[in-house]
Amino acid sequence: MRQNLLLLLVGMMSMVPAAGAQANANHLQGQESAYLKRAVSQPVDWYPWGKLAFERAKALNRPILLDVGAVWCPWCGLMDRDTYTNGAAADFINQHFVPVKVDFDASPELVAQFQRAQAVLNLPAGLPLTSFITPDGKLYFGAGYLPAEHKGDKPSFREVADEALARFTERSKIEEESFQLEVRK
């Protein structure tokens, strides 16, 4: 009984946002998906997939950081908890990307498109799916689960995000090595 109570308490604590979490909800407010609802109070300024996110990316000339996950995916929850609720990581993301979150279960056709694109580019295509997309919809870089800190041969989220930003500046290379996504909603 005591062990069950402890597990329940630890589980509930993992749902509480980190200390640096923003007071205002991001652009996921009002979404129906359980995965998107879970991210409403994260300090990352998430957008749902759609025209508004791409317009914002064009206006700011920033790449889109796409996170595809599911509530039942333990690695997705771990990445949410360790990276996306971390105040410093969220500030970095909000300054350099237009972040977009997609629920694997709520958008199967859209997710299949992302997975095909990553596979064509020889990038990981499992969950979580972390993708970097130009404002005009070209997927040019991506990964799967990324830990908050570099572990063994697994780069950290920040290392991969820095690489994505460096690649974003090489537009001619993106033209050669990217996959055009369908960007309507």
N, C-alpha and C. Protein backbone atom coordinates (compact mmCIF):
# COMPACT_ATOMS: atom_id res chain seq x y z
N MET A 1 0.83 -1.20 0.00
CA MET A 1 0.00 0.00 0.00
C MET A 1 0.87 1.26 0.00
N ARG A 2 1.86 1.26 0.89
CA ARG A 2 2.74 2.42 1.00
C ARG A 2 3.51 2.64 -0.31
N GLN A 3 3.94 1.56 -0.94
CA GLN A 3 4.66 1.66 -2.21
C GLN A 3 3.74 2.18 -3.32
N ASN A 4 2.49 1.74 -3.34
CA ASN A 4 1.53 2.24 -4.33
C ASN A 4 1.27 3.73 -4.15
N LEU A 5 1.18 4.17 -2.92
CA LEU A 5 0.96 5.58 -2.63
C LEU A 5 2.16 6.40 -3.10
N LEU A 6 3.35 5.88 -2.86
CA LEU A 6 4.56 6.56 -3.31
C LEU A 6 4.61 6.67 -4.83
N LEU A 7 4.27 5.58 -5.53
CA LEU A 7 4.23 5.61 -7.00
C LEU A 7 3.21 6.61 -7.51
N LEU A 8 2.05 6.67 -6.87
CA LEU A 8 1.02 7.63 -7.27
C LEU A 8 1.53 9.05 -7.09
N LEU A 9 2.18 9.32 -5.97
CA LEU A 9 2.71 10.65 -5.69
C LEU A 9 3.77 11.05 -6.70
N VAL A 10 4.68 10.14 -7.01
CA VAL A 10 5.73 10.41 -8.00
C VAL A 10 5.10 10.67 -9.37
N GLY A 11 4.11 9.88 -9.74
CA GLY A 11 3.42 10.07 -11.02
C GLY A 11 2.75 11.43 -11.10
N MET A 12 2.11 11.83 -10.02
CA MET A 12 1.43 13.13 -10.02
C MET A 12 2.44 14.27 -10.08
N MET A 13 3.57 14.11 -9.41
CA MET A 13 4.59 15.16 -9.44
C MET A 13 5.17 15.33 -10.84
N SER A 14 5.23 14.26 -11.62
CA SER A 14 5.78 14.37 -12.97
C SER A 14 4.87 15.17 -13.89
N MET A 15 3.63 15.36 -13.50
CA MET A 15 2.69 16.13 -14.32
C MET A 15 2.77 17.62 -14.02
N VAL A 16 3.39 18.01 -12.91
CA VAL A 16 3.49 19.42 -12.53
C VAL A 16 4.57 20.07 -13.37
N PRO A 17 4.27 21.24 -13.98
CA PRO A 17 5.27 21.91 -14.81
C PRO A 17 6.49 22.32 -13.99
N ALA A 18 7.62 22.45 -14.67
CA ALA A 18 8.85 22.89 -14.03
C ALA A 18 8.70 24.31 -13.51
N ALA A 19 9.59 24.71 -12.62
CA ALA A 19 9.50 26.01 -11.97
C ALA A 19 9.50 27.17 -12.96
N GLY A 20 10.20 27.05 -14.08
CA GLY A 20 10.29 28.14 -15.04
C GLY A 20 9.13 28.20 -16.01
N ALA A 21 8.11 27.40 -15.80
CA ALA A 21 7.00 27.33 -16.76
C ALA A 21 6.31 28.67 -16.89
N GLN A 22 5.86 28.95 -18.08
CA GLN A 22 5.21 30.22 -18.35
C GLN A 22 3.84 30.29 -17.69
N ALA A 23 3.44 31.48 -17.32
CA ALA A 23 2.14 31.67 -16.69
C ALA A 23 1.02 31.60 -17.74
N ASN A 24 1.29 32.03 -18.95
CA ASN A 24 0.29 32.02 -20.01
C ASN A 24 0.36 30.73 -20.80
N ALA A 25 -0.79 30.28 -21.21
CA ALA A 25 -0.84 29.07 -22.04
C ALA A 25 -0.27 29.39 -23.42
N ASN A 26 0.25 28.38 -24.07
CA ASN A 26 0.75 28.55 -25.43
C ASN A 26 -0.42 28.44 -26.41
N HIS A 27 -0.14 28.23 -27.66
CA HIS A 27 -1.17 28.20 -28.70
C HIS A 27 -1.95 26.89 -28.78
N LEU A 28 -1.73 26.01 -27.82
CA LEU A 28 -2.44 24.73 -27.82
C LEU A 28 -3.76 24.79 -27.03
N GLN A 29 -4.02 25.93 -26.44
CA GLN A 29 -5.26 26.10 -25.68
C GLN A 29 -6.47 25.76 -26.56
N GLY A 30 -7.36 24.93 -26.05
CA GLY A 30 -8.57 24.57 -26.79
C GLY A 30 -8.43 23.36 -27.70
N GLN A 31 -7.24 22.78 -27.79
CA GLN A 31 -7.05 21.58 -28.62
C GLN A 31 -7.72 20.38 -27.95
N GLU A 32 -8.21 19.46 -28.75
CA GLU A 32 -8.92 18.28 -28.24
C GLU A 32 -8.00 17.12 -27.87
N SER A 33 -6.87 17.02 -28.52
CA SER A 33 -5.96 15.89 -28.35
C SER A 33 -5.37 15.84 -26.94
N ALA A 34 -5.31 14.65 -26.39
CA ALA A 34 -4.75 14.46 -25.05
C ALA A 34 -3.27 14.85 -25.01
N TYR A 35 -2.52 14.52 -26.06
CA TYR A 35 -1.09 14.85 -26.09
C TYR A 35 -0.89 16.37 -26.13
N LEU A 36 -1.70 17.07 -26.90
CA LEU A 36 -1.57 18.53 -26.98
C LEU A 36 -2.06 19.19 -25.69
N LYS A 37 -3.12 18.66 -25.11
CA LYS A 37 -3.62 19.20 -23.84
C LYS A 37 -2.56 19.11 -22.76
N ARG A 38 -1.81 18.01 -22.77
CA ARG A 38 -0.77 17.81 -21.77
C ARG A 38 0.33 18.87 -21.87
N ALA A 39 0.49 19.47 -23.04
CA ALA A 39 1.57 20.44 -23.26
C ALA A 39 1.13 21.90 -23.13
N VAL A 40 -0.13 22.14 -22.83
CA VAL A 40 -0.64 23.52 -22.77
C VAL A 40 0.13 24.38 -21.77
N SER A 41 0.53 23.84 -20.65
CA SER A 41 1.21 24.64 -19.64
C SER A 41 2.74 24.58 -19.74
N GLN A 42 3.26 23.92 -20.76
CA GLN A 42 4.72 23.89 -20.94
C GLN A 42 5.21 25.29 -21.32
N PRO A 43 6.43 25.65 -20.94
CA PRO A 43 6.95 26.98 -21.28
C PRO A 43 7.31 27.15 -22.76
N VAL A 44 7.32 26.08 -23.53
CA VAL A 44 7.54 26.19 -24.98
C VAL A 44 6.27 26.77 -25.59
N ASP A 45 6.43 27.73 -26.48
CA ASP A 45 5.28 28.40 -27.12
C ASP A 45 4.77 27.55 -28.29
N TRP A 46 4.23 26.39 -27.98
CA TRP A 46 3.76 25.44 -28.98
C TRP A 46 2.60 25.98 -29.81
N TYR A 47 2.60 25.60 -31.07
CA TYR A 47 1.48 25.81 -31.99
C TYR A 47 0.98 24.44 -32.41
N PRO A 48 -0.29 24.32 -32.74
CA PRO A 48 -0.74 23.10 -33.40
C PRO A 48 -0.30 23.17 -34.87
N TRP A 49 -0.25 22.03 -35.55
CA TRP A 49 0.11 21.99 -36.96
C TRP A 49 -0.91 22.80 -37.75
N GLY A 50 -0.45 23.69 -38.59
CA GLY A 50 -1.36 24.45 -39.43
C GLY A 50 -0.75 25.72 -39.98
N LYS A 51 -1.57 26.42 -40.71
CA LYS A 51 -1.18 27.61 -41.45
C LYS A 51 -0.58 28.70 -40.54
N LEU A 52 -1.16 28.89 -39.35
CA LEU A 52 -0.69 29.94 -38.44
C LEU A 52 0.78 29.75 -38.06
N ALA A 53 1.18 28.52 -37.79
CA ALA A 53 2.57 28.24 -37.42
C ALA A 53 3.51 28.57 -38.58
N PHE A 54 3.12 28.20 -39.80
CA PHE A 54 3.98 28.46 -40.95
C PHE A 54 4.04 29.95 -41.27
N GLU A 55 2.94 30.67 -41.09
CA GLU A 55 2.96 32.12 -41.28
C GLU A 55 3.91 32.77 -40.27
N ARG A 56 3.86 32.30 -39.04
CA ARG A 56 4.75 32.83 -38.00
C ARG A 56 6.21 32.54 -38.34
N ALA A 57 6.50 31.33 -38.80
CA ALA A 57 7.87 30.96 -39.17
C ALA A 57 8.37 31.83 -40.32
N LYS A 58 7.51 32.10 -41.30
CA LYS A 58 7.90 32.96 -42.42
C LYS A 58 8.17 34.38 -41.94
N ALA A 59 7.28 34.90 -41.09
CA ALA A 59 7.43 36.27 -40.60
C ALA A 59 8.73 36.43 -39.79
N LEU A 60 9.10 35.42 -39.03
CA LEU A 60 10.30 35.49 -38.20
C LEU A 60 11.55 34.93 -38.89
N ASN A 61 11.36 34.30 -40.07
CA ASN A 61 12.44 33.62 -40.78
C ASN A 61 13.15 32.61 -39.87
N ARG A 62 12.34 31.76 -39.25
CA ARG A 62 12.85 30.73 -38.35
C ARG A 62 12.38 29.36 -38.83
N PRO A 63 13.17 28.34 -38.53
CA PRO A 63 12.69 26.99 -38.83
C PRO A 63 11.62 26.56 -37.82
N ILE A 64 10.87 25.58 -38.20
CA ILE A 64 9.86 24.98 -37.32
C ILE A 64 10.49 23.78 -36.64
N LEU A 65 10.30 23.70 -35.34
CA LEU A 65 10.65 22.52 -34.57
C LEU A 65 9.36 21.74 -34.41
N LEU A 66 9.31 20.55 -34.98
CA LEU A 66 8.11 19.71 -34.91
C LEU A 66 8.34 18.58 -33.92
N ASP A 67 7.43 18.44 -32.98
CA ASP A 67 7.45 17.33 -32.03
C ASP A 67 6.19 16.51 -32.27
N VAL A 68 6.38 15.24 -32.64
CA VAL A 68 5.26 14.31 -32.78
C VAL A 68 5.39 13.29 -31.66
N GLY A 69 4.31 13.11 -30.93
CA GLY A 69 4.33 12.15 -29.83
C GLY A 69 2.95 11.64 -29.51
N ALA A 70 2.88 10.88 -28.43
CA ALA A 70 1.62 10.29 -27.98
C ALA A 70 1.65 10.18 -26.46
N VAL A 71 0.47 10.23 -25.85
CA VAL A 71 0.40 10.14 -24.39
C VAL A 71 0.88 8.78 -23.88
N TRP A 72 0.77 7.74 -24.67
CA TRP A 72 1.16 6.41 -24.24
C TRP A 72 2.64 6.11 -24.47
N CYS A 73 3.37 7.02 -25.10
CA CYS A 73 4.79 6.83 -25.43
C CYS A 73 5.67 7.30 -24.27
N PRO A 74 6.38 6.37 -23.59
CA PRO A 74 7.20 6.78 -22.46
C PRO A 74 8.34 7.73 -22.83
N TRP A 75 8.93 7.54 -24.02
CA TRP A 75 10.03 8.41 -24.44
C TRP A 75 9.52 9.82 -24.74
N CYS A 76 8.28 9.92 -25.22
CA CYS A 76 7.67 11.24 -25.47
C CYS A 76 7.48 11.97 -24.15
N GLY A 77 6.98 11.26 -23.16
CA GLY A 77 6.80 11.86 -21.83
C GLY A 77 8.11 12.29 -21.21
N LEU A 78 9.14 11.47 -21.41
CA LEU A 78 10.46 11.79 -20.88
C LEU A 78 11.02 13.04 -21.54
N MET A 79 10.88 13.14 -22.85
CA MET A 79 11.38 14.32 -23.56
C MET A 79 10.58 15.56 -23.15
N ASP A 80 9.26 15.41 -23.00
CA ASP A 80 8.45 16.53 -22.51
C ASP A 80 8.95 16.99 -21.15
N ARG A 81 9.15 16.05 -20.25
CA ARG A 81 9.53 16.37 -18.87
C ARG A 81 10.95 16.94 -18.79
N ASP A 82 11.91 16.32 -19.49
CA ASP A 82 13.31 16.74 -19.35
C ASP A 82 13.71 17.92 -20.21
N THR A 83 13.06 18.09 -21.35
CA THR A 83 13.46 19.16 -22.27
C THR A 83 12.42 20.26 -22.36
N TYR A 84 11.19 19.89 -22.69
CA TYR A 84 10.20 20.91 -22.99
C TYR A 84 9.62 21.62 -21.77
N THR A 85 9.83 21.10 -20.57
CA THR A 85 9.41 21.83 -19.37
C THR A 85 10.59 22.52 -18.70
N ASN A 86 11.78 22.38 -19.27
CA ASN A 86 12.98 23.03 -18.77
C ASN A 86 12.98 24.48 -19.25
N GLY A 87 13.04 25.41 -18.32
CA GLY A 87 12.95 26.83 -18.67
C GLY A 87 14.01 27.30 -19.65
N ALA A 88 15.27 26.89 -19.43
CA ALA A 88 16.35 27.31 -20.33
C ALA A 88 16.17 26.73 -21.73
N ALA A 89 15.79 25.46 -21.81
CA ALA A 89 15.55 24.84 -23.12
C ALA A 89 14.38 25.50 -23.82
N ALA A 90 13.32 25.78 -23.07
CA ALA A 90 12.14 26.43 -23.65
C ALA A 90 12.49 27.83 -24.18
N ASP A 91 13.28 28.58 -23.42
CA ASP A 91 13.70 29.91 -23.89
C ASP A 91 14.48 29.81 -25.19
N PHE A 92 15.39 28.84 -25.26
CA PHE A 92 16.18 28.63 -26.48
C PHE A 92 15.26 28.29 -27.66
N ILE A 93 14.34 27.37 -27.44
CA ILE A 93 13.39 26.98 -28.50
C ILE A 93 12.57 28.18 -28.94
N ASN A 94 12.02 28.92 -27.99
CA ASN A 94 11.16 30.06 -28.32
C ASN A 94 11.91 31.17 -29.04
N GLN A 95 13.21 31.29 -28.81
CA GLN A 95 14.02 32.32 -29.47
C GLN A 95 14.45 31.94 -30.89
N HIS A 96 14.57 30.63 -31.16
CA HIS A 96 15.16 30.21 -32.43
C HIS A 96 14.25 29.43 -33.37
N PHE A 97 13.10 28.98 -32.88
CA PHE A 97 12.21 28.14 -33.67
C PHE A 97 10.76 28.58 -33.50
N VAL A 98 9.93 28.11 -34.38
CA VAL A 98 8.48 28.15 -34.17
C VAL A 98 8.13 26.70 -33.84
N PRO A 99 7.83 26.41 -32.58
CA PRO A 99 7.59 25.04 -32.17
C PRO A 99 6.16 24.58 -32.46
N VAL A 100 6.04 23.38 -33.03
CA VAL A 100 4.75 22.79 -33.41
C VAL A 100 4.66 21.40 -32.80
N LYS A 101 3.52 21.08 -32.22
CA LYS A 101 3.31 19.78 -31.59
C LYS A 101 2.16 19.07 -32.29
N VAL A 102 2.34 17.77 -32.57
CA VAL A 102 1.34 16.95 -33.25
C VAL A 102 1.14 15.67 -32.46
N ASP A 103 -0.11 15.27 -32.30
CA ASP A 103 -0.46 14.03 -31.62
C ASP A 103 -0.48 12.88 -32.62
N PHE A 104 0.32 11.87 -32.38
CA PHE A 104 0.41 10.69 -33.23
C PHE A 104 -0.96 10.06 -33.46
N ASP A 105 -1.74 9.93 -32.41
CA ASP A 105 -3.03 9.25 -32.50
C ASP A 105 -4.12 10.10 -33.15
N ALA A 106 -4.04 11.41 -33.00
CA ALA A 106 -5.09 12.29 -33.52
C ALA A 106 -4.90 12.64 -35.00
N SER A 107 -3.69 12.47 -35.52
CA SER A 107 -3.39 12.87 -36.91
C SER A 107 -2.60 11.79 -37.63
N PRO A 108 -3.16 10.58 -37.79
CA PRO A 108 -2.38 9.48 -38.37
C PRO A 108 -1.90 9.73 -39.80
N GLU A 109 -2.70 10.36 -40.66
CA GLU A 109 -2.27 10.61 -42.04
C GLU A 109 -1.12 11.61 -42.08
N LEU A 110 -1.22 12.65 -41.27
CA LEU A 110 -0.17 13.66 -41.20
C LEU A 110 1.12 13.04 -40.66
N VAL A 111 1.00 12.25 -39.61
CA VAL A 111 2.17 11.60 -39.01
C VAL A 111 2.82 10.64 -40.01
N ALA A 112 2.02 9.92 -40.77
CA ALA A 112 2.57 9.01 -41.79
C ALA A 112 3.40 9.80 -42.80
N GLN A 113 2.96 11.00 -43.15
CA GLN A 113 3.72 11.85 -44.07
C GLN A 113 5.07 12.23 -43.45
N PHE A 114 5.07 12.60 -42.17
CA PHE A 114 6.32 12.95 -41.50
C PHE A 114 7.26 11.76 -41.44
N GLN A 115 6.71 10.60 -41.10
CA GLN A 115 7.55 9.41 -40.98
C GLN A 115 8.14 9.01 -42.33
N ARG A 116 7.35 9.09 -43.40
CA ARG A 116 7.87 8.80 -44.74
C ARG A 116 8.99 9.78 -45.09
N ALA A 117 8.77 11.05 -44.81
CA ALA A 117 9.76 12.08 -45.13
C ALA A 117 11.06 11.81 -44.39
N GLN A 118 10.98 11.50 -43.12
CA GLN A 118 12.20 11.24 -42.35
C GLN A 118 12.90 9.99 -42.88
N ALA A 119 12.12 8.97 -43.22
CA ALA A 119 12.72 7.74 -43.75
C ALA A 119 13.41 8.00 -45.09
N VAL A 120 12.79 8.80 -45.95
CA VAL A 120 13.40 9.13 -47.25
C VAL A 120 14.74 9.84 -47.04
N LEU A 121 14.81 10.67 -46.01
CA LEU A 121 16.04 11.41 -45.72
C LEU A 121 16.99 10.60 -44.83
N ASN A 122 16.65 9.34 -44.58
CA ASN A 122 17.45 8.45 -43.75
C ASN A 122 17.61 8.99 -42.33
N LEU A 123 16.51 9.49 -41.78
CA LEU A 123 16.47 10.00 -40.41
C LEU A 123 15.56 9.10 -39.57
N PRO A 124 15.75 9.06 -38.25
CA PRO A 124 14.87 8.26 -37.41
C PRO A 124 13.41 8.65 -37.62
N ALA A 125 12.52 7.65 -37.61
CA ALA A 125 11.10 7.94 -37.89
C ALA A 125 10.17 7.34 -36.84
N GLY A 126 10.69 7.06 -35.65
CA GLY A 126 9.86 6.51 -34.58
C GLY A 126 9.30 7.61 -33.69
N LEU A 127 8.90 7.25 -32.48
CA LEU A 127 8.39 8.23 -31.53
C LEU A 127 9.33 8.37 -30.36
N PRO A 128 9.50 9.58 -29.85
CA PRO A 128 8.98 10.81 -30.43
C PRO A 128 9.71 11.11 -31.74
N LEU A 129 9.04 11.84 -32.57
CA LEU A 129 9.59 12.27 -33.85
C LEU A 129 9.93 13.75 -33.70
N THR A 130 11.19 14.08 -33.85
CA THR A 130 11.66 15.46 -33.74
C THR A 130 12.13 15.87 -35.12
N SER A 131 11.47 16.86 -35.71
CA SER A 131 11.78 17.26 -37.08
C SER A 131 12.02 18.76 -37.15
N PHE A 132 12.82 19.15 -38.12
CA PHE A 132 13.10 20.56 -38.37
C PHE A 132 12.67 20.86 -39.80
N ILE A 133 11.84 21.88 -39.95
CA ILE A 133 11.17 22.17 -41.20
C ILE A 133 11.34 23.65 -41.54
N THR A 134 11.58 23.96 -42.81
CA THR A 134 11.68 25.35 -43.24
C THR A 134 10.29 26.00 -43.20
N PRO A 135 10.22 27.33 -43.20
CA PRO A 135 8.92 28.00 -43.21
C PRO A 135 8.06 27.67 -44.44
N ASP A 136 8.70 27.21 -45.52
CA ASP A 136 7.92 26.84 -46.71
C ASP A 136 7.62 25.34 -46.76
N GLY A 137 7.89 24.63 -45.65
CA GLY A 137 7.44 23.24 -45.54
C GLY A 137 8.42 22.17 -45.96
N LYS A 138 9.70 22.47 -46.02
CA LYS A 138 10.70 21.44 -46.38
C LYS A 138 11.30 20.85 -45.11
N LEU A 139 11.07 19.56 -44.91
CA LEU A 139 11.69 18.86 -43.79
C LEU A 139 13.15 18.64 -44.17
N TYR A 140 14.08 19.16 -43.38
CA TYR A 140 15.49 19.09 -43.76
C TYR A 140 16.39 18.40 -42.73
N PHE A 141 15.87 18.13 -41.55
CA PHE A 141 16.69 17.50 -40.52
C PHE A 141 15.76 16.93 -39.47
N GLY A 142 16.23 15.91 -38.74
CA GLY A 142 15.37 15.35 -37.71
C GLY A 142 16.06 14.29 -36.89
N ALA A 143 15.32 13.83 -35.89
CA ALA A 143 15.83 12.83 -34.97
C ALA A 143 14.64 12.15 -34.30
N GLY A 144 14.94 11.29 -33.38
CA GLY A 144 13.90 10.66 -32.56
C GLY A 144 13.95 11.28 -31.18
N TYR A 145 14.06 10.42 -30.17
CA TYR A 145 14.19 10.89 -28.79
C TYR A 145 15.54 11.57 -28.62
N LEU A 146 15.54 12.72 -27.97
CA LEU A 146 16.78 13.44 -27.69
C LEU A 146 16.82 13.75 -26.19
N PRO A 147 17.82 13.24 -25.49
CA PRO A 147 17.90 13.52 -24.06
C PRO A 147 18.28 14.98 -23.81
N ALA A 148 18.02 15.45 -22.62
CA ALA A 148 18.37 16.82 -22.25
C ALA A 148 19.89 17.01 -22.24
N GLU A 149 20.62 15.97 -21.84
CA GLU A 149 22.08 16.01 -21.78
C GLU A 149 22.65 14.93 -22.70
N HIS A 150 23.80 15.19 -23.27
CA HIS A 150 24.51 14.22 -24.11
C HIS A 150 24.78 12.96 -23.29
N LYS A 151 24.40 11.79 -23.85
CA LYS A 151 24.61 10.51 -23.14
C LYS A 151 25.22 9.50 -24.09
N GLY A 152 26.46 9.10 -23.83
CA GLY A 152 27.12 8.12 -24.69
C GLY A 152 27.22 8.63 -26.11
N ASP A 153 26.64 7.86 -27.05
CA ASP A 153 26.66 8.29 -28.45
C ASP A 153 25.39 9.03 -28.84
N LYS A 154 24.52 9.32 -27.87
CA LYS A 154 23.25 10.02 -28.13
C LYS A 154 23.43 11.52 -27.89
N PRO A 155 23.32 12.33 -28.95
CA PRO A 155 23.46 13.78 -28.75
C PRO A 155 22.29 14.35 -27.94
N SER A 156 22.54 15.47 -27.31
CA SER A 156 21.49 16.14 -26.54
C SER A 156 20.54 16.90 -27.47
N PHE A 157 19.40 17.28 -26.95
CA PHE A 157 18.46 18.08 -27.73
C PHE A 157 19.16 19.35 -28.23
N ARG A 158 19.88 20.02 -27.36
CA ARG A 158 20.52 21.29 -27.72
C ARG A 158 21.54 21.10 -28.84
N GLU A 159 22.31 20.02 -28.79
CA GLU A 159 23.29 19.76 -29.85
C GLU A 159 22.59 19.57 -31.20
N VAL A 160 21.51 18.83 -31.21
CA VAL A 160 20.78 18.60 -32.45
C VAL A 160 20.11 19.89 -32.92
N ALA A 161 19.54 20.65 -31.99
CA ALA A 161 18.90 21.92 -32.36
C ALA A 161 19.92 22.90 -32.94
N ASP A 162 21.12 22.95 -32.36
CA ASP A 162 22.18 23.81 -32.90
C ASP A 162 22.56 23.38 -34.32
N GLU A 163 22.64 22.07 -34.53
CA GLU A 163 22.94 21.55 -35.88
C GLU A 163 21.83 21.93 -36.86
N ALA A 164 20.58 21.84 -36.41
CA ALA A 164 19.45 22.22 -37.27
C ALA A 164 19.51 23.69 -37.64
N LEU A 165 19.88 24.54 -36.69
CA LEU A 165 20.01 25.97 -36.99
C LEU A 165 21.14 26.23 -37.98
N ALA A 166 22.26 25.53 -37.82
CA ALA A 166 23.38 25.69 -38.74
C ALA A 166 22.98 25.26 -40.15
N ARG A 167 22.27 24.15 -40.25
CA ARG A 167 21.81 23.67 -41.56
C ARG A 167 20.78 24.62 -42.17
N PHE A 168 19.97 25.26 -41.34
CA PHE A 168 18.95 26.19 -41.84
C PHE A 168 19.59 27.36 -42.57
N THR A 169 20.77 27.75 -42.15
CA THR A 169 21.44 28.89 -42.81
C THR A 169 21.98 28.51 -44.19
N GLU A 170 22.12 27.21 -44.47
CA GLU A 170 22.61 26.74 -45.77
C GLU A 170 21.43 26.36 -46.66
N ARG A 171 20.69 27.36 -47.13
CA ARG A 171 19.47 27.13 -47.90
C ARG A 171 19.70 26.33 -49.18
N SER A 172 20.84 26.53 -49.83
CA SER A 172 21.08 25.79 -51.08
C SER A 172 21.20 24.30 -50.80
N LYS A 173 21.80 23.94 -49.69
CA LYS A 173 21.92 22.54 -49.31
C LYS A 173 20.54 21.96 -48.95
N ILE A 174 19.71 22.76 -48.32
CA ILE A 174 18.35 22.31 -47.98
C ILE A 174 17.58 21.98 -49.25
N GLU A 175 17.76 22.77 -50.29
CA GLU A 175 17.07 22.51 -51.56
C GLU A 175 17.42 21.12 -52.09
N GLU A 176 18.67 20.71 -51.89
CA GLU A 176 19.12 19.40 -52.38
C GLU A 176 18.72 18.25 -51.46
N GLU A 177 18.72 18.49 -50.16
CA GLU A 177 18.53 17.42 -49.18
C GLU A 177 17.35 17.70 -48.27
N SER A 178 16.15 17.73 -48.82
CA SER A 178 14.96 17.97 -48.01
C SER A 178 13.77 17.23 -48.64
N PHE A 179 12.68 17.25 -47.93
CA PHE A 179 11.47 16.60 -48.38
C PHE A 179 10.33 17.61 -48.23
N GLN A 180 9.66 17.97 -49.31
CA GLN A 180 8.57 18.93 -49.27
C GLN A 180 7.33 18.28 -48.65
N LEU A 181 6.88 18.87 -47.56
CA LEU A 181 5.68 18.38 -46.88
C LEU A 181 4.45 19.11 -47.40
N GLU A 182 3.32 18.48 -47.25
CA GLU A 182 2.05 19.11 -47.56
C GLU A 182 1.65 19.92 -46.33
N VAL A 183 1.54 21.23 -46.49
CA VAL A 183 1.38 22.11 -45.34
C VAL A 183 -0.03 22.66 -45.18
N ARG A 184 -1.03 22.01 -45.60
CA ARG A 184 -2.38 22.54 -45.38
C ARG A 184 -2.98 21.83 -44.17
N LYS A 185 -4.04 22.42 -43.65
CA LYS A 185 -4.70 21.79 -42.50
C LYS A 185 -6.17 21.65 -42.77
